Protein backbone atom coordinates (compact mmCIF):
# COMPACT_ATOMS: atom_id res chain seq x y z
CA MET A 1 21.77 -12.49 -20.03
CA GLN A 2 25.18 -11.87 -21.55
CA ASN A 3 27.26 -14.03 -23.83
CA ILE A 4 30.53 -13.95 -21.89
CA SER A 5 32.22 -16.41 -24.24
CA ASN A 6 34.53 -15.65 -27.14
CA TYR A 7 32.06 -17.19 -29.58
CA ASP A 8 29.12 -15.96 -31.64
CA TYR A 9 26.00 -18.12 -31.47
CA GLU A 10 23.58 -18.53 -34.37
CA TYR A 11 20.73 -19.56 -32.07
CA VAL A 12 20.16 -19.54 -28.30
CA THR A 13 17.10 -20.78 -26.42
CA ILE A 14 16.15 -20.50 -22.75
CA GLU A 15 13.39 -22.46 -21.04
CA TYR A 16 11.78 -22.37 -17.61
CA THR A 17 9.55 -25.02 -16.07
CA LEU A 18 6.61 -23.51 -14.18
CA TYR A 19 5.24 -25.07 -10.98
CA ASP A 20 2.13 -24.62 -8.88
CA ILE A 21 2.15 -24.37 -5.08
CA GLU A 22 2.05 -28.18 -4.75
CA GLY A 23 5.11 -28.64 -6.93
CA ASN A 24 3.23 -29.86 -9.98
CA ILE A 25 4.51 -28.82 -13.40
CA ILE A 26 1.89 -26.58 -14.96
CA GLY A 27 3.74 -25.37 -18.02
CA VAL A 28 6.85 -24.12 -19.71
CA ALA A 29 7.99 -20.60 -20.57
CA GLU A 30 10.56 -20.07 -23.29
CA ASP A 31 12.33 -17.57 -25.48
CA TYR A 32 14.98 -17.67 -28.18
CA ILE A 33 17.21 -15.40 -30.19
CA ASP A 34 18.56 -16.03 -33.68
CA GLU A 35 21.99 -14.47 -33.10
CA LEU A 36 23.92 -13.74 -29.93
CA ASP A 37 27.36 -12.39 -30.64
CA GLU A 38 30.42 -12.51 -28.43
CA LYS A 39 29.96 -10.27 -25.34
CA GLU A 40 26.45 -9.24 -26.49
CA LYS A 41 23.64 -8.86 -23.95
CA TRP A 42 20.19 -10.35 -24.47
CA ARG A 43 17.13 -9.15 -22.60
CA PHE A 44 14.93 -12.21 -22.93
CA SER A 45 11.25 -12.49 -22.16
CA ALA A 46 10.25 -16.08 -21.47
CA GLU A 47 6.60 -16.36 -22.52
CA TYR A 48 3.95 -18.87 -21.56
CA TYR A 49 0.42 -19.41 -22.79
CA GLY A 50 -2.77 -20.86 -21.35
CA ILE A 51 -1.73 -20.46 -17.72
CA ASN A 52 -3.03 -17.96 -15.23
CA ALA A 53 0.00 -16.15 -13.77
CA LYS A 54 -1.54 -16.44 -10.30
CA GLU A 55 -1.20 -20.24 -10.54
CA ILE A 56 2.60 -20.05 -10.86
CA SER A 57 4.22 -20.52 -7.47
CA TYR A 58 7.81 -20.85 -8.65
CA TYR A 59 9.90 -21.60 -11.70
CA GLU A 60 13.21 -23.22 -12.57
CA MET A 61 15.49 -22.68 -15.55
CA THR A 62 15.61 -26.10 -17.19
CA LEU A 63 17.31 -25.36 -20.49
CA LEU A 64 19.90 -22.96 -21.83
CA GLU A 65 21.21 -24.07 -25.17
CA GLY A 66 23.04 -22.48 -28.06
CA TYR A 67 24.91 -23.33 -31.21
């Protein structure tokens, strides 16, 4: 992900909702960074816990927030 704005962010978070094959929500994966400067790139790694990766059928980005 790249900050293509002309602003520096003090904090950015990204969140994905995880679904099983039947469309049920089975969890959330998330990551954050404390500083994301103007034009800086961020290689995020959204992590999840307590879920077998084989249970995840698809995911959807549900939050991208910064200040």
